[in-house]
Amino acid sequence: MRYILVKVIAFHLLFLVLHYTYDVLPYRAVAVFASTSETVMQHMKSAFYAWTLVSVGELAVRRDVWRRVFDANLLVNLLAPWAMFMWYLASALDLQPLPTVAIEILYANIVLLVAGLGLAVLSRDLMRAHFSRASRTVMIAFYAVFAFLLAALTFETPWGGFFTHP
């Protein structure tokens, strides 16, 4: 349980740091990793890189099971951005707009906490799995493509509502 709690707290804190870093340091290089707006894609980017940083930290600490930690976190890292969609649960339940900014911030942090908890549990359980070299290669390729798209689409917003603030 301690393992999960530490991971959730680290993910939450790193997400918040990445969410607000660009506000303090508005440089193009920072924009590659940090949120530049309140769009869904930018929140997905913060989740993606927050989990990457958590994973790097875990790899440094758990070198005895390096391969299993790497594989489990790599797969979960591909899921982390999509966990941000839980934000839309309030919309699906016809609860948005939320009545105050304070409630919206509280709701956002609860969603982030629940997402982090789910990701940490998945990561822990996936460490028991054995992934083939082909699976690892696919996950690395997906990670690289997703990282590239997050960076490229930060500077060139394509057509479509998914990438813009409603």
N, C-alpha and C. Protein backbone atom coordinates (compact mmCIF):
# COMPACT_ATOMS: atom_id res chain seq x y z
N MET A 1 0.82 -1.20 0.00
CA MET A 1 0.00 0.00 0.00
C MET A 1 0.86 1.26 0.00
N ARG A 2 1.97 1.20 0.74
CA ARG A 2 2.87 2.36 0.79
C ARG A 2 3.40 2.69 -0.61
N TYR A 3 3.73 1.63 -1.37
CA TYR A 3 4.22 1.79 -2.73
C TYR A 3 3.22 2.58 -3.57
N ILE A 4 1.96 2.22 -3.48
CA ILE A 4 0.91 2.88 -4.26
C ILE A 4 0.74 4.33 -3.80
N LEU A 5 0.71 4.54 -2.50
CA LEU A 5 0.53 5.89 -1.96
C LEU A 5 1.66 6.82 -2.40
N VAL A 6 2.88 6.36 -2.31
CA VAL A 6 4.03 7.19 -2.74
C VAL A 6 3.92 7.52 -4.22
N LYS A 7 3.55 6.55 -5.01
CA LYS A 7 3.45 6.76 -6.45
C LYS A 7 2.33 7.75 -6.79
N VAL A 8 1.20 7.63 -6.12
CA VAL A 8 0.07 8.53 -6.36
C VAL A 8 0.44 9.96 -5.98
N ILE A 9 1.06 10.13 -4.84
CA ILE A 9 1.45 11.47 -4.39
C ILE A 9 2.48 12.06 -5.35
N ALA A 10 3.47 11.27 -5.75
CA ALA A 10 4.49 11.76 -6.68
C ALA A 10 3.86 12.16 -8.01
N PHE A 11 2.96 11.32 -8.53
CA PHE A 11 2.28 11.62 -9.79
C PHE A 11 1.49 12.91 -9.67
N HIS A 12 0.74 13.05 -8.59
CA HIS A 12 -0.10 14.23 -8.38
C HIS A 12 0.76 15.50 -8.34
N LEU A 13 1.82 15.46 -7.55
CA LEU A 13 2.68 16.64 -7.42
C LEU A 13 3.38 16.99 -8.73
N LEU A 14 3.90 15.97 -9.41
CA LEU A 14 4.58 16.24 -10.69
C LEU A 14 3.60 16.75 -11.75
N PHE A 15 2.38 16.22 -11.75
CA PHE A 15 1.36 16.72 -12.66
C PHE A 15 1.13 18.21 -12.42
N LEU A 16 0.96 18.60 -11.16
CA LEU A 16 0.72 20.00 -10.83
C LEU A 16 1.91 20.88 -11.22
N VAL A 17 3.10 20.39 -10.99
CA VAL A 17 4.30 21.15 -11.40
C VAL A 17 4.30 21.35 -12.92
N LEU A 18 4.06 20.27 -13.66
CA LEU A 18 4.05 20.38 -15.12
C LEU A 18 2.87 21.23 -15.62
N HIS A 19 1.79 21.20 -14.90
CA HIS A 19 0.62 21.98 -15.30
C HIS A 19 0.89 23.49 -15.23
N TYR A 20 1.70 23.90 -14.25
CA TYR A 20 1.91 25.34 -14.03
C TYR A 20 3.30 25.86 -14.42
N THR A 21 4.21 25.00 -14.80
CA THR A 21 5.58 25.43 -15.12
C THR A 21 5.62 26.44 -16.25
N TYR A 22 4.83 26.21 -17.29
CA TYR A 22 4.85 27.12 -18.44
C TYR A 22 4.37 28.52 -18.06
N ASP A 23 3.49 28.63 -17.09
CA ASP A 23 3.03 29.94 -16.63
C ASP A 23 4.19 30.75 -16.05
N VAL A 24 5.11 30.06 -15.40
CA VAL A 24 6.26 30.72 -14.77
C VAL A 24 7.43 30.85 -15.75
N LEU A 25 7.61 29.85 -16.59
CA LEU A 25 8.72 29.83 -17.56
C LEU A 25 8.16 29.63 -18.97
N PRO A 26 7.67 30.69 -19.61
CA PRO A 26 7.00 30.55 -20.91
C PRO A 26 7.97 30.44 -22.10
N TYR A 27 8.74 29.37 -22.11
CA TYR A 27 9.71 29.14 -23.18
C TYR A 27 9.27 27.95 -24.02
N ARG A 28 9.65 27.94 -25.29
CA ARG A 28 9.27 26.85 -26.19
C ARG A 28 9.74 25.50 -25.68
N ALA A 29 10.94 25.44 -25.15
CA ALA A 29 11.47 24.18 -24.66
C ALA A 29 10.63 23.65 -23.49
N VAL A 30 10.16 24.52 -22.65
CA VAL A 30 9.30 24.14 -21.52
C VAL A 30 7.94 23.67 -22.05
N ALA A 31 7.45 24.30 -23.10
CA ALA A 31 6.15 23.95 -23.67
C ALA A 31 6.11 22.53 -24.21
N VAL A 32 7.25 21.97 -24.55
CA VAL A 32 7.29 20.59 -25.03
C VAL A 32 6.79 19.63 -23.95
N PHE A 33 7.08 19.93 -22.68
CA PHE A 33 6.75 19.03 -21.58
C PHE A 33 5.64 19.53 -20.66
N ALA A 34 5.42 20.83 -20.62
CA ALA A 34 4.47 21.41 -19.67
C ALA A 34 3.20 21.89 -20.37
N SER A 35 2.12 21.93 -19.62
CA SER A 35 0.84 22.43 -20.16
C SER A 35 0.97 23.89 -20.55
N THR A 36 0.44 24.23 -21.72
CA THR A 36 0.46 25.63 -22.17
C THR A 36 -0.93 26.26 -22.14
N SER A 37 -1.95 25.44 -21.86
CA SER A 37 -3.32 25.95 -21.80
C SER A 37 -4.16 24.98 -20.99
N GLU A 38 -5.45 25.22 -20.98
CA GLU A 38 -6.38 24.37 -20.24
C GLU A 38 -7.07 23.33 -21.12
N THR A 39 -6.52 23.05 -22.29
CA THR A 39 -7.15 22.06 -23.17
C THR A 39 -6.94 20.66 -22.63
N VAL A 40 -7.77 19.75 -23.07
CA VAL A 40 -7.64 18.34 -22.69
C VAL A 40 -6.27 17.81 -23.09
N MET A 41 -5.84 18.13 -24.30
CA MET A 41 -4.55 17.62 -24.77
C MET A 41 -3.41 18.06 -23.86
N GLN A 42 -3.45 19.29 -23.38
CA GLN A 42 -2.38 19.77 -22.51
C GLN A 42 -2.40 19.06 -21.16
N HIS A 43 -3.58 18.73 -20.66
CA HIS A 43 -3.66 17.96 -19.43
C HIS A 43 -3.16 16.53 -19.66
N MET A 44 -3.45 15.99 -20.83
CA MET A 44 -2.93 14.67 -21.18
C MET A 44 -1.41 14.70 -21.22
N LYS A 45 -0.85 15.78 -21.74
CA LYS A 45 0.60 15.92 -21.81
C LYS A 45 1.20 15.96 -20.41
N SER A 46 0.58 16.71 -19.51
CA SER A 46 1.07 16.76 -18.13
C SER A 46 1.03 15.38 -17.48
N ALA A 47 -0.04 14.64 -17.70
CA ALA A 47 -0.15 13.29 -17.14
C ALA A 47 0.91 12.37 -17.73
N PHE A 48 1.12 12.47 -19.03
CA PHE A 48 2.10 11.63 -19.72
C PHE A 48 3.50 11.85 -19.15
N TYR A 49 3.90 13.10 -19.02
CA TYR A 49 5.25 13.38 -18.54
C TYR A 49 5.37 13.25 -17.03
N ALA A 50 4.29 13.46 -16.29
CA ALA A 50 4.33 13.23 -14.85
C ALA A 50 4.57 11.75 -14.58
N TRP A 51 3.86 10.87 -15.31
CA TRP A 51 4.08 9.44 -15.11
C TRP A 51 5.47 9.03 -15.60
N THR A 52 5.95 9.65 -16.64
CA THR A 52 7.31 9.37 -17.09
C THR A 52 8.32 9.68 -15.99
N LEU A 53 8.17 10.83 -15.34
CA LEU A 53 9.09 11.21 -14.27
C LEU A 53 8.96 10.28 -13.06
N VAL A 54 7.74 9.90 -12.71
CA VAL A 54 7.54 8.94 -11.62
C VAL A 54 8.23 7.63 -11.97
N SER A 55 8.09 7.21 -13.21
CA SER A 55 8.70 5.95 -13.65
C SER A 55 10.21 5.99 -13.60
N VAL A 56 10.78 7.10 -14.03
CA VAL A 56 12.24 7.25 -13.98
C VAL A 56 12.72 7.18 -12.52
N GLY A 57 11.99 7.84 -11.63
CA GLY A 57 12.33 7.77 -10.21
C GLY A 57 12.24 6.35 -9.68
N GLU A 58 11.20 5.64 -10.06
CA GLU A 58 11.05 4.26 -9.60
C GLU A 58 12.15 3.37 -10.18
N LEU A 59 12.50 3.58 -11.42
CA LEU A 59 13.58 2.80 -12.02
C LEU A 59 14.90 3.01 -11.27
N ALA A 60 15.14 4.22 -10.83
CA ALA A 60 16.37 4.52 -10.09
C ALA A 60 16.39 3.81 -8.74
N VAL A 61 15.23 3.66 -8.12
CA VAL A 61 15.13 3.05 -6.80
C VAL A 61 15.05 1.52 -6.86
N ARG A 62 14.39 1.00 -7.87
CA ARG A 62 14.13 -0.44 -7.93
C ARG A 62 14.93 -1.12 -9.03
N ARG A 63 16.22 -0.95 -8.99
CA ARG A 63 17.09 -1.53 -10.03
C ARG A 63 17.12 -3.04 -10.02
N ASP A 64 16.71 -3.67 -8.92
CA ASP A 64 16.73 -5.13 -8.82
C ASP A 64 15.71 -5.78 -9.76
N VAL A 65 14.64 -5.09 -10.04
CA VAL A 65 13.61 -5.61 -10.96
C VAL A 65 13.40 -4.61 -12.10
N TRP A 66 14.47 -4.09 -12.60
CA TRP A 66 14.46 -3.01 -13.58
C TRP A 66 13.56 -3.30 -14.77
N ARG A 67 13.73 -4.46 -15.40
CA ARG A 67 12.98 -4.77 -16.62
C ARG A 67 11.48 -4.80 -16.37
N ARG A 68 11.05 -5.40 -15.28
CA ARG A 68 9.61 -5.48 -14.98
C ARG A 68 9.04 -4.09 -14.64
N VAL A 69 9.80 -3.29 -13.91
CA VAL A 69 9.37 -1.92 -13.59
C VAL A 69 9.27 -1.10 -14.87
N PHE A 70 10.26 -1.24 -15.73
CA PHE A 70 10.28 -0.50 -17.00
C PHE A 70 9.07 -0.86 -17.85
N ASP A 71 8.84 -2.16 -18.05
CA ASP A 71 7.74 -2.61 -18.91
C ASP A 71 6.38 -2.19 -18.34
N ALA A 72 6.17 -2.42 -17.06
CA ALA A 72 4.88 -2.08 -16.45
C ALA A 72 4.61 -0.58 -16.55
N ASN A 73 5.60 0.22 -16.20
CA ASN A 73 5.41 1.67 -16.24
C ASN A 73 5.29 2.21 -17.66
N LEU A 74 5.96 1.57 -18.59
CA LEU A 74 5.85 2.00 -19.98
C LEU A 74 4.43 1.81 -20.49
N LEU A 75 3.85 0.67 -20.20
CA LEU A 75 2.47 0.43 -20.63
C LEU A 75 1.50 1.37 -19.91
N VAL A 76 1.68 1.54 -18.61
CA VAL A 76 0.79 2.43 -17.86
C VAL A 76 0.97 3.87 -18.33
N ASN A 77 2.18 4.23 -18.72
CA ASN A 77 2.43 5.59 -19.22
C ASN A 77 1.60 5.88 -20.46
N LEU A 78 1.34 4.87 -21.26
CA LEU A 78 0.51 5.06 -22.45
C LEU A 78 -0.96 5.24 -22.06
N LEU A 79 -1.34 4.76 -20.88
CA LEU A 79 -2.72 4.91 -20.40
C LEU A 79 -2.92 6.21 -19.62
N ALA A 80 -1.86 6.74 -19.03
CA ALA A 80 -1.97 7.92 -18.15
C ALA A 80 -2.69 9.10 -18.80
N PRO A 81 -2.35 9.47 -20.03
CA PRO A 81 -3.06 10.61 -20.63
C PRO A 81 -4.56 10.37 -20.76
N TRP A 82 -4.94 9.15 -21.06
CA TRP A 82 -6.36 8.86 -21.28
C TRP A 82 -7.14 8.84 -19.97
N ALA A 83 -6.45 8.67 -18.85
CA ALA A 83 -7.12 8.73 -17.55
C ALA A 83 -7.67 10.14 -17.28
N MET A 84 -7.11 11.14 -17.95
CA MET A 84 -7.58 12.51 -17.77
C MET A 84 -9.01 12.71 -18.28
N PHE A 85 -9.50 11.78 -19.07
CA PHE A 85 -10.86 11.87 -19.58
C PHE A 85 -11.90 11.71 -18.47
N MET A 86 -11.48 11.20 -17.31
CA MET A 86 -12.42 11.09 -16.20
C MET A 86 -13.01 12.45 -15.82
N TRP A 87 -12.31 13.51 -16.20
CA TRP A 87 -12.82 14.86 -15.94
C TRP A 87 -14.24 15.01 -16.50
N TYR A 88 -14.50 14.38 -17.62
CA TYR A 88 -15.79 14.53 -18.30
C TYR A 88 -16.92 13.75 -17.64
N LEU A 89 -16.64 13.06 -16.57
CA LEU A 89 -17.69 12.36 -15.84
C LEU A 89 -18.74 13.35 -15.35
N ALA A 90 -18.29 14.51 -14.88
CA ALA A 90 -19.25 15.53 -14.42
C ALA A 90 -20.15 15.99 -15.55
N SER A 91 -19.60 16.14 -16.74
CA SER A 91 -20.42 16.52 -17.90
C SER A 91 -21.40 15.42 -18.25
N ALA A 92 -20.93 14.19 -18.23
CA ALA A 92 -21.79 13.05 -18.58
C ALA A 92 -22.95 12.91 -17.60
N LEU A 93 -22.71 13.33 -16.36
CA LEU A 93 -23.76 13.27 -15.33
C LEU A 93 -24.54 14.58 -15.25
N ASP A 94 -24.30 15.47 -16.21
CA ASP A 94 -24.98 16.76 -16.29
C ASP A 94 -24.74 17.64 -15.05
N LEU A 95 -23.51 17.60 -14.55
CA LEU A 95 -23.14 18.37 -13.37
C LEU A 95 -22.29 19.59 -13.70
N GLN A 96 -21.99 19.81 -14.97
CA GLN A 96 -21.17 20.97 -15.34
C GLN A 96 -22.04 21.98 -16.05
N PRO A 97 -21.75 23.25 -15.92
CA PRO A 97 -20.59 23.80 -15.23
C PRO A 97 -20.72 23.66 -13.72
N LEU A 98 -19.56 23.47 -13.08
CA LEU A 98 -19.55 23.36 -11.62
C LEU A 98 -19.84 24.73 -11.02
N PRO A 99 -20.46 24.78 -9.84
CA PRO A 99 -20.96 26.04 -9.31
C PRO A 99 -19.90 27.10 -8.97
N THR A 100 -18.72 26.68 -8.54
CA THR A 100 -17.68 27.66 -8.20
C THR A 100 -16.32 27.17 -8.68
N VAL A 101 -15.39 28.09 -8.79
CA VAL A 101 -14.02 27.74 -9.18
C VAL A 101 -13.40 26.82 -8.13
N ALA A 102 -13.67 27.08 -6.86
CA ALA A 102 -13.12 26.25 -5.79
C ALA A 102 -13.58 24.80 -5.93
N ILE A 103 -14.85 24.60 -6.24
CA ILE A 103 -15.37 23.23 -6.43
C ILE A 103 -14.75 22.61 -7.68
N GLU A 104 -14.56 23.39 -8.71
CA GLU A 104 -13.92 22.87 -9.93
C GLU A 104 -12.49 22.41 -9.65
N ILE A 105 -11.75 23.20 -8.88
CA ILE A 105 -10.37 22.83 -8.53
C ILE A 105 -10.36 21.57 -7.66
N LEU A 106 -11.27 21.50 -6.70
CA LEU A 106 -11.38 20.31 -5.86
C LEU A 106 -11.72 19.08 -6.71
N TYR A 107 -12.69 19.24 -7.60
CA TYR A 107 -13.09 18.14 -8.49
C TYR A 107 -11.91 17.69 -9.36
N ALA A 108 -11.19 18.64 -9.92
CA ALA A 108 -10.04 18.31 -10.77
C ALA A 108 -8.99 17.53 -9.98
N ASN A 109 -8.74 17.91 -8.75
CA ASN A 109 -7.75 17.21 -7.93
C ASN A 109 -8.24 15.83 -7.50
N ILE A 110 -9.54 15.68 -7.30
CA ILE A 110 -10.09 14.35 -7.00
C ILE A 110 -9.94 13.44 -8.21
N VAL A 111 -10.25 13.96 -9.40
CA VAL A 111 -10.08 13.19 -10.63
C VAL A 111 -8.62 12.79 -10.79
N LEU A 112 -7.70 13.71 -10.55
CA LEU A 112 -6.27 13.42 -10.67
C LEU A 112 -5.85 12.36 -9.66
N LEU A 113 -6.36 12.44 -8.46
CA LEU A 113 -6.05 11.46 -7.41
C LEU A 113 -6.57 10.08 -7.78
N VAL A 114 -7.80 10.01 -8.26
CA VAL A 114 -8.38 8.72 -8.66
C VAL A 114 -7.61 8.14 -9.85
N ALA A 115 -7.27 8.99 -10.81
CA ALA A 115 -6.48 8.53 -11.96
C ALA A 115 -5.13 7.98 -11.50
N GLY A 116 -4.46 8.72 -10.64
CA GLY A 116 -3.16 8.28 -10.13
C GLY A 116 -3.25 6.97 -9.37
N LEU A 117 -4.30 6.81 -8.58
CA LEU A 117 -4.51 5.58 -7.83
C LEU A 117 -4.70 4.40 -8.79
N GLY A 118 -5.54 4.59 -9.79
CA GLY A 118 -5.76 3.53 -10.77
C GLY A 118 -4.49 3.17 -11.52
N LEU A 119 -3.74 4.17 -11.92
CA LEU A 119 -2.50 3.93 -12.65
C LEU A 119 -1.47 3.20 -11.78
N ALA A 120 -1.37 3.59 -10.52
CA ALA A 120 -0.42 2.95 -9.61
C ALA A 120 -0.78 1.49 -9.36
N VAL A 121 -2.07 1.20 -9.21
CA VAL A 121 -2.50 -0.18 -9.01
C VAL A 121 -2.20 -1.01 -10.26
N LEU A 122 -2.52 -0.47 -11.42
CA LEU A 122 -2.21 -1.18 -12.67
C LEU A 122 -0.71 -1.44 -12.80
N SER A 123 0.07 -0.45 -12.50
CA SER A 123 1.52 -0.59 -12.60
C SER A 123 2.03 -1.69 -11.67
N ARG A 124 1.55 -1.67 -10.45
CA ARG A 124 1.97 -2.70 -9.48
C ARG A 124 1.63 -4.10 -9.99
N ASP A 125 0.41 -4.27 -10.48
CA ASP A 125 0.00 -5.59 -10.93
C ASP A 125 0.68 -6.01 -12.23
N LEU A 126 0.93 -5.05 -13.10
CA LEU A 126 1.60 -5.37 -14.36
C LEU A 126 3.05 -5.79 -14.16
N MET A 127 3.63 -5.46 -13.02
CA MET A 127 5.01 -5.88 -12.76
C MET A 127 5.13 -7.39 -12.63
N ARG A 128 4.02 -8.05 -12.43
CA ARG A 128 4.02 -9.51 -12.35
C ARG A 128 4.02 -10.14 -13.75
N ALA A 129 3.69 -9.36 -14.75
CA ALA A 129 3.61 -9.87 -16.12
C ALA A 129 5.00 -9.93 -16.75
N HIS A 130 5.12 -10.79 -17.72
CA HIS A 130 6.36 -10.87 -18.48
C HIS A 130 6.05 -10.46 -19.92
N PHE A 131 6.67 -9.39 -20.38
CA PHE A 131 6.44 -8.88 -21.72
C PHE A 131 7.55 -9.35 -22.65
N SER A 132 7.19 -9.69 -23.86
CA SER A 132 8.17 -10.12 -24.84
C SER A 132 8.95 -8.91 -25.36
N ARG A 133 10.03 -9.19 -26.02
CA ARG A 133 10.81 -8.11 -26.64
C ARG A 133 9.96 -7.37 -27.68
N ALA A 134 9.13 -8.10 -28.41
CA ALA A 134 8.26 -7.47 -29.42
C ALA A 134 7.26 -6.53 -28.75
N SER A 135 6.67 -6.95 -27.63
CA SER A 135 5.73 -6.08 -26.91
C SER A 135 6.44 -4.83 -26.40
N ARG A 136 7.62 -5.01 -25.85
CA ARG A 136 8.38 -3.87 -25.35
C ARG A 136 8.70 -2.91 -26.50
N THR A 137 9.05 -3.43 -27.63
CA THR A 137 9.35 -2.59 -28.80
C THR A 137 8.12 -1.81 -29.23
N VAL A 138 6.97 -2.46 -29.25
CA VAL A 138 5.72 -1.78 -29.62
C VAL A 138 5.42 -0.66 -28.62
N MET A 139 5.57 -0.95 -27.33
CA MET A 139 5.29 0.08 -26.31
C MET A 139 6.25 1.26 -26.44
N ILE A 140 7.52 0.98 -26.71
CA ILE A 140 8.50 2.06 -26.89
C ILE A 140 8.14 2.88 -28.13
N ALA A 141 7.74 2.21 -29.21
CA ALA A 141 7.35 2.93 -30.43
C ALA A 141 6.12 3.80 -30.17
N PHE A 142 5.11 3.25 -29.49
CA PHE A 142 3.92 4.04 -29.16
C PHE A 142 4.28 5.23 -28.28
N TYR A 143 5.15 5.02 -27.31
CA TYR A 143 5.59 6.10 -26.42
C TYR A 143 6.25 7.21 -27.24
N ALA A 144 7.16 6.82 -28.13
CA ALA A 144 7.89 7.81 -28.95
C ALA A 144 6.93 8.58 -29.86
N VAL A 145 6.00 7.89 -30.48
CA VAL A 145 5.04 8.56 -31.37
C VAL A 145 4.15 9.50 -30.56
N PHE A 146 3.69 9.05 -29.41
CA PHE A 146 2.82 9.89 -28.59
C PHE A 146 3.58 11.12 -28.10
N ALA A 147 4.82 10.94 -27.66
CA ALA A 147 5.63 12.08 -27.21
C ALA A 147 5.85 13.07 -28.35
N PHE A 148 6.12 12.55 -29.54
CA PHE A 148 6.29 13.42 -30.71
C PHE A 148 5.01 14.20 -31.00
N LEU A 149 3.87 13.51 -31.00
CA LEU A 149 2.60 14.18 -31.28
C LEU A 149 2.28 15.24 -30.24
N LEU A 150 2.53 14.95 -28.97
CA LEU A 150 2.27 15.94 -27.92
C LEU A 150 3.10 17.19 -28.15
N ALA A 151 4.36 17.01 -28.52
CA ALA A 151 5.23 18.17 -28.77
C ALA A 151 4.79 18.91 -30.03
N ALA A 152 4.62 18.19 -31.12
CA ALA A 152 4.26 18.82 -32.39
C ALA A 152 2.93 19.54 -32.31
N LEU A 153 1.95 18.92 -31.68
CA LEU A 153 0.61 19.50 -31.62
C LEU A 153 0.50 20.62 -30.60
N THR A 154 1.52 20.78 -29.76
CA THR A 154 1.56 21.93 -28.86
C THR A 154 1.79 23.20 -29.65
N PHE A 155 2.57 23.10 -30.73
CA PHE A 155 2.94 24.28 -31.51
C PHE A 155 2.09 24.46 -32.76
N GLU A 156 1.50 23.40 -33.26
CA GLU A 156 0.65 23.45 -34.45
C GLU A 156 -0.66 22.75 -34.13
N THR A 157 -1.65 23.48 -33.68
CA THR A 157 -2.93 22.89 -33.32
C THR A 157 -3.68 22.48 -34.57
N PRO A 158 -3.99 21.19 -34.69
CA PRO A 158 -4.73 20.75 -35.87
C PRO A 158 -6.21 21.14 -35.75
N TRP A 159 -6.91 20.99 -36.83
CA TRP A 159 -8.33 21.27 -36.83
C TRP A 159 -9.02 20.25 -35.93
N GLY A 160 -10.02 20.67 -35.22
CA GLY A 160 -10.83 19.74 -34.41
C GLY A 160 -10.94 20.19 -32.98
N GLY A 161 -12.09 20.01 -32.39
CA GLY A 161 -12.38 20.45 -31.05
C GLY A 161 -11.58 19.77 -29.95
N PHE A 162 -11.06 18.60 -30.21
CA PHE A 162 -10.29 17.89 -29.20
C PHE A 162 -9.09 18.69 -28.74
N PHE A 163 -8.52 19.49 -29.61
CA PHE A 163 -7.28 20.19 -29.33
C PHE A 163 -7.46 21.63 -28.88
N THR A 164 -8.69 22.10 -28.85
CA THR A 164 -8.92 23.49 -28.47
C THR A 164 -9.80 23.57 -27.24
N HIS A 165 -9.68 24.65 -26.52
CA HIS A 165 -10.51 24.86 -25.34
C HIS A 165 -11.92 25.22 -25.81
N PRO A 166 -12.92 24.51 -25.29
CA PRO A 166 -14.30 24.76 -25.76
C PRO A 166 -14.79 26.17 -25.45
